């Protein structure tokens, strides 16, 4: 009797997972070149996100840094005619980097509620963050738009649709690939890659990967020195800069110059 009850209980627990819709889909995600080394000659890198999904679904790829506090200087008129910094605006719970790429416009494939639930899109991000000092909804939107423009100009925020390449495999799966230029402005640390499979206006699957940016060599040593020994860091930085300039001069000298 006990064995029959146990078997029934196991069947009851397993059945919802076995017959759940799209449970077999197994969305995958892999960030190639997922460990980026920042050395003395670092000027950005390249990252690709690849994987497989069920055919017929739309895809959204989001790459974000951990949330933090970002500051932006607020300018205003002083004495009626001088434009000057009149204070700081603080954006809390805001990622330093936010990339969002989709097969189609997110407004065409996701409901507003789903966008908000998964922080997909600038408007959803605006609702999520806190701004100090407190503004009216209209003022918050205006300053958030200015913040986004500044981040986009620094290559740290980006939205696009149509960049994700998709092909069908012999087994009927959908392969996808997204190729990105990784900005040198992105600070060292860990970044999360989230891939959403979208169907009928909702997220039906999610997969994750990671990108790590790490200082190495001279850059790492100088960064540590800047924290522990500020004065020595300043002296070494000057010497390194002079050495780099001397090296460049030697290269052009050997080449006979450029005329």
Protein backbone atom coordinates (compact mmCIF):
# COMPACT_ATOMS: atom_id res chain seq x y z
CA UNK A 1 0.00 0.00 0.00
CA UNK A 2 2.81 2.40 0.93
CA UNK A 3 4.61 1.70 -2.36
CA UNK A 4 1.43 2.47 -4.35
CA UNK A 5 0.94 5.74 -2.49
CA UNK A 6 4.59 6.70 -3.06
CA UNK A 7 4.34 5.90 -6.77
CA UNK A 8 1.16 7.99 -7.04
CA UNK A 9 2.80 10.90 -5.25
CA UNK A 10 5.85 10.80 -7.52
CA UNK A 11 3.64 10.66 -10.62
CA UNK A 12 1.63 13.64 -9.33
CA UNK A 13 4.82 15.67 -8.75
CA UNK A 14 6.54 14.80 -12.03
CA UNK A 15 3.55 15.04 -14.37
CA UNK A 16 3.24 18.86 -14.42
CA UNK A 17 6.89 19.14 -15.47
CA UNK A 18 6.72 16.34 -18.03
CA UNK A 19 3.70 17.81 -19.81
CA UNK A 20 4.29 21.52 -19.27
CA UNK A 21 4.14 23.40 -22.61
CA UNK A 22 7.54 24.22 -24.12
CA UNK A 23 9.32 22.41 -21.27
CA UNK A 24 11.43 20.58 -23.87
CA UNK A 25 12.64 23.75 -25.56
CA UNK A 26 15.96 24.06 -23.69
CA UNK A 27 17.06 27.56 -24.67
CA UNK A 28 20.86 27.84 -24.54
CA UNK A 29 23.24 30.80 -24.34
CA UNK A 30 27.02 31.07 -24.54
CA UNK A 31 29.10 34.25 -24.58
CA UNK A 32 32.27 33.69 -26.58
CA UNK A 33 35.33 35.66 -25.49
CA UNK A 34 33.66 35.83 -22.08
CA UNK A 35 36.89 36.75 -20.23
CA UNK A 36 38.25 40.10 -21.40
CA UNK A 37 41.71 41.12 -20.23
CA UNK A 38 42.42 44.84 -19.85
CA UNK A 39 46.13 45.37 -20.50
CA UNK A 40 48.19 48.47 -21.28
CA UNK A 41 47.09 48.55 -24.93
CA UNK A 42 43.44 47.64 -24.36
CA UNK A 43 40.98 49.52 -26.56
CA UNK A 44 37.84 47.43 -26.32
CA UNK A 45 37.12 43.92 -27.53
CA UNK A 46 34.53 41.79 -29.32
CA UNK A 47 31.89 39.54 -27.80
CA UNK A 48 29.44 37.15 -29.42
CA UNK A 49 26.40 35.52 -27.85
CA UNK A 50 25.29 32.24 -29.43
CA UNK A 51 22.89 29.45 -28.66
CA UNK A 52 19.85 27.48 -29.74
CA UNK A 53 16.11 27.82 -29.23
CA UNK A 54 12.90 26.36 -30.52
CA UNK A 55 12.00 27.59 -34.02
CA UNK A 56 9.43 30.32 -34.35
CA UNK A 57 10.27 32.21 -31.17
CA UNK A 58 11.58 35.75 -30.98
CA UNK A 59 14.73 36.41 -28.98
CA UNK A 60 15.86 39.23 -26.72
CA UNK A 61 19.48 39.47 -25.53
CA UNK A 62 20.16 41.72 -22.56
CA UNK A 63 23.65 42.43 -21.19
CA UNK A 64 23.87 44.36 -17.94
CA UNK A 65 26.29 45.39 -15.24
CA UNK A 66 25.32 45.08 -11.56
CA UNK A 67 23.05 47.86 -10.37
CA UNK A 68 24.56 50.84 -8.60
CA UNK A 69 24.38 54.62 -8.17
CA UNK A 70 25.17 56.83 -11.13
CA UNK A 71 25.63 60.61 -10.92
CA UNK A 72 24.98 63.26 -13.54
CA UNK A 73 25.75 66.97 -13.23
CA UNK A 74 22.75 69.26 -13.53
CA UNK A 75 23.35 72.52 -15.36
CA UNK A 76 21.30 75.67 -14.99
CA UNK A 77 21.40 79.44 -15.37
CA UNK A 78 22.99 81.45 -12.57
CA UNK A 79 22.28 85.19 -12.33
CA UNK A 80 20.05 84.82 -15.35
CA UNK A 81 22.76 84.31 -17.99
CA UNK A 82 25.61 82.06 -16.76
CA UNK A 83 25.29 78.32 -17.45
CA UNK A 84 26.92 76.45 -14.57
CA UNK A 85 26.72 73.20 -12.62
CA UNK A 86 23.93 73.71 -10.10
CA UNK A 87 23.89 70.27 -8.48
CA UNK A 88 23.98 66.51 -8.95
CA UNK A 89 21.23 64.13 -10.00
CA UNK A 90 21.63 60.61 -8.60
CA UNK A 91 20.17 57.60 -10.41
CA UNK A 92 19.91 54.63 -8.03
CA UNK A 93 19.42 50.93 -8.93
CA UNK A 94 20.90 51.71 -12.34
CA UNK A 95 23.29 49.46 -14.32
CA UNK A 96 26.47 51.10 -15.56
CA UNK A 97 26.08 49.12 -18.80
CA UNK A 98 22.81 48.17 -20.51
CA UNK A 99 22.70 46.51 -23.94
CA UNK A 100 19.41 45.25 -25.36
CA UNK A 101 19.14 43.51 -28.73
CA UNK A 102 16.12 41.70 -30.14
CA UNK A 103 15.00 39.95 -33.31
CA UNK A 104 12.16 42.48 -33.61
CA UNK A 105 11.12 45.61 -31.74
CA UNK A 106 10.37 44.65 -28.14
CA UNK A 107 7.15 46.69 -28.32
CA UNK A 108 5.97 44.38 -31.12
CA UNK A 109 6.79 41.10 -29.36
CA UNK A 110 6.28 41.76 -25.63
CA UNK A 111 3.44 43.24 -23.60
CA UNK A 112 4.31 46.25 -21.41
CA UNK A 113 3.75 44.09 -18.31
CA UNK A 114 6.29 41.52 -19.51
CA UNK A 115 8.80 44.23 -20.34
CA UNK A 116 8.46 45.64 -16.83
CA UNK A 117 8.71 42.21 -15.21
CA UNK A 118 12.05 41.50 -16.90
CA UNK A 119 13.42 45.08 -17.10
CA UNK A 120 13.40 45.01 -20.89
CA UNK A 121 13.66 48.45 -22.52
CA UNK A 122 14.43 51.98 -21.37
CA UNK A 123 10.89 52.77 -20.20
CA UNK A 124 10.88 49.71 -17.92
CA UNK A 125 14.32 50.68 -16.63
CA UNK A 126 13.05 54.20 -15.93
CA UNK A 127 10.21 52.82 -13.80
CA UNK A 128 12.68 50.65 -11.88
CA UNK A 129 15.26 53.27 -10.92
CA UNK A 130 15.04 55.87 -8.16
CA UNK A 131 16.09 59.47 -8.81
CA UNK A 132 17.37 61.97 -6.24
CA UNK A 133 16.27 64.67 -5.70
CA UNK A 134 12.63 63.71 -6.23
CA UNK A 135 11.08 64.98 -9.46
CA UNK A 136 7.63 64.97 -10.99
CA UNK A 137 7.03 62.05 -13.41
CA UNK A 138 7.57 64.40 -16.35
CA UNK A 139 10.83 65.77 -14.94
CA UNK A 140 12.05 62.27 -14.06
CA UNK A 141 11.41 61.14 -17.64
CA UNK A 142 13.26 64.17 -19.03
CA UNK A 143 16.33 63.67 -16.85
CA UNK A 144 16.34 59.92 -17.45
CA UNK A 145 16.32 60.56 -21.20
CA UNK A 146 19.32 62.87 -20.76
CA UNK A 147 21.07 60.20 -18.70
CA UNK A 148 20.44 57.60 -21.43
CA UNK A 149 21.78 59.95 -24.13
CA UNK A 150 24.94 60.46 -22.11
CA UNK A 151 25.40 56.71 -21.60
CA UNK A 152 24.77 56.01 -25.27
CA UNK A 153 27.39 58.60 -26.24
CA UNK A 154 29.82 56.72 -23.95
CA UNK A 155 28.94 53.41 -25.70
CA UNK A 156 27.58 51.98 -22.43
CA UNK A 157 23.87 51.89 -23.35
CA UNK A 158 22.46 50.56 -26.63
CA UNK A 159 19.19 49.27 -28.09
CA UNK A 160 18.73 47.55 -31.43
CA UNK A 161 16.54 45.08 -33.26
CA UNK A 162 17.42 42.93 -36.23
CA UNK A 163 21.08 42.33 -35.32
CA UNK A 164 20.46 38.80 -34.03
CA UNK A 165 21.15 36.29 -36.81
CA UNK A 166 18.99 33.14 -36.87
CA UNK A 167 19.22 29.93 -38.92
CA UNK A 168 17.47 26.56 -38.78
CA UNK A 169 19.49 23.42 -38.06
CA UNK A 170 19.03 19.99 -39.66
CA UNK A 171 17.32 18.87 -36.45
CA UNK A 172 14.73 21.62 -36.65
CA UNK A 173 16.25 23.81 -33.97
CA UNK A 174 16.85 27.55 -34.33
CA UNK A 175 20.44 28.72 -33.97
CA UNK A 176 21.09 32.35 -33.15
CA UNK A 177 24.16 34.58 -32.97
CA UNK A 178 24.75 38.17 -31.90
CA UNK A 179 28.08 39.92 -32.54
CA UNK A 180 28.99 42.99 -30.51
CA UNK A 181 31.84 45.44 -30.10
CA UNK A 182 32.70 45.55 -26.40
CA UNK A 183 33.44 49.16 -25.35
CA UNK A 184 36.68 50.06 -23.62
CA UNK A 185 34.61 52.37 -21.41
CA UNK A 186 33.07 49.37 -19.62
CA UNK A 187 34.71 49.11 -16.21
CA UNK A 188 36.28 45.88 -14.89
CA UNK A 189 33.83 43.49 -13.29
CA UNK A 190 31.20 40.88 -14.06
CA UNK A 191 28.40 41.32 -16.60
CA UNK A 192 25.28 39.18 -16.96
CA UNK A 193 24.02 38.01 -20.35
CA UNK A 194 20.32 37.12 -20.29
CA UNK A 195 18.59 35.61 -23.33
CA UNK A 196 14.79 35.57 -23.42
CA UNK A 197 12.73 33.39 -25.76
CA UNK A 198 9.46 35.19 -26.53
CA UNK A 199 6.18 33.79 -27.82
CA UNK A 200 2.66 35.24 -27.92
CA UNK A 201 3.71 38.39 -26.09
CA UNK A 202 5.35 36.61 -23.17
CA UNK A 203 8.77 35.34 -22.08
CA UNK A 204 8.59 31.53 -22.27
CA UNK A 205 12.22 30.68 -21.53
CA UNK A 206 15.35 32.30 -20.12
CA UNK A 207 19.03 31.38 -20.39
CA UNK A 208 22.10 33.01 -18.86
CA UNK A 209 25.77 33.50 -19.54
CA UNK A 210 28.46 35.86 -18.23
CA UNK A 211 31.22 38.19 -19.39
CA UNK A 212 34.11 39.07 -17.08
CA UNK A 213 36.36 42.09 -17.61
CA UNK A 214 39.59 41.96 -15.63
CA UNK A 215 42.66 44.17 -15.41
CA UNK A 216 46.00 42.44 -15.99
CA UNK A 217 49.70 43.25 -15.97
CA UNK A 218 50.77 46.87 -15.65
CA UNK A 219 47.18 48.15 -15.62
CA UNK A 220 46.28 45.92 -12.67
CA UNK A 221 49.43 46.92 -10.79
CA UNK A 222 48.78 50.63 -11.37
CA UNK A 223 45.15 50.31 -10.27
CA UNK A 224 46.21 48.63 -7.03
CA UNK A 225 48.90 51.25 -6.49
CA UNK A 226 46.39 54.08 -7.01
CA UNK A 227 44.36 52.77 -4.08
CA UNK A 228 47.19 51.87 -1.71
CA UNK A 229 49.90 54.44 -2.59
CA UNK A 230 48.48 57.51 -4.32
CA UNK A 231 51.72 59.52 -4.44
CA UNK A 232 53.78 56.66 -5.84
CA UNK A 233 51.03 55.95 -8.37
CA UNK A 234 51.27 59.51 -9.71
CA UNK A 235 55.03 59.27 -10.17
CA UNK A 236 54.90 55.85 -11.84
CA UNK A 237 52.07 56.97 -14.14
CA UNK A 238 54.19 59.87 -15.40
CA UNK A 239 57.18 57.56 -15.99
CA UNK A 240 55.02 55.01 -17.81
CA UNK A 241 53.54 57.74 -20.02
CA UNK A 242 57.00 59.10 -20.82
CA UNK A 243 58.23 55.59 -21.60
CA UNK A 244 55.30 54.95 -23.92
CA UNK A 245 55.94 58.24 -25.73
CA UNK A 246 59.64 57.43 -26.07
CA UNK A 247 58.77 54.03 -27.51
CA UNK A 248 56.43 55.52 -30.10
CA UNK A 249 59.14 58.06 -31.05
CA UNK A 250 61.66 55.25 -31.55
CA UNK A 251 59.23 53.38 -33.83
CA UNK A 252 58.65 56.40 -36.07
CA UNK A 253 62.35 57.26 -35.97
CA UNK A 254 63.26 53.82 -37.27
CA UNK A 255 60.69 54.13 -40.01
CA UNK A 256 62.22 57.35 -41.26
CA UNK A 257 59.16 59.39 -40.27
CA UNK A 258 55.93 59.96 -42.15
CA UNK A 259 56.04 62.68 -44.82
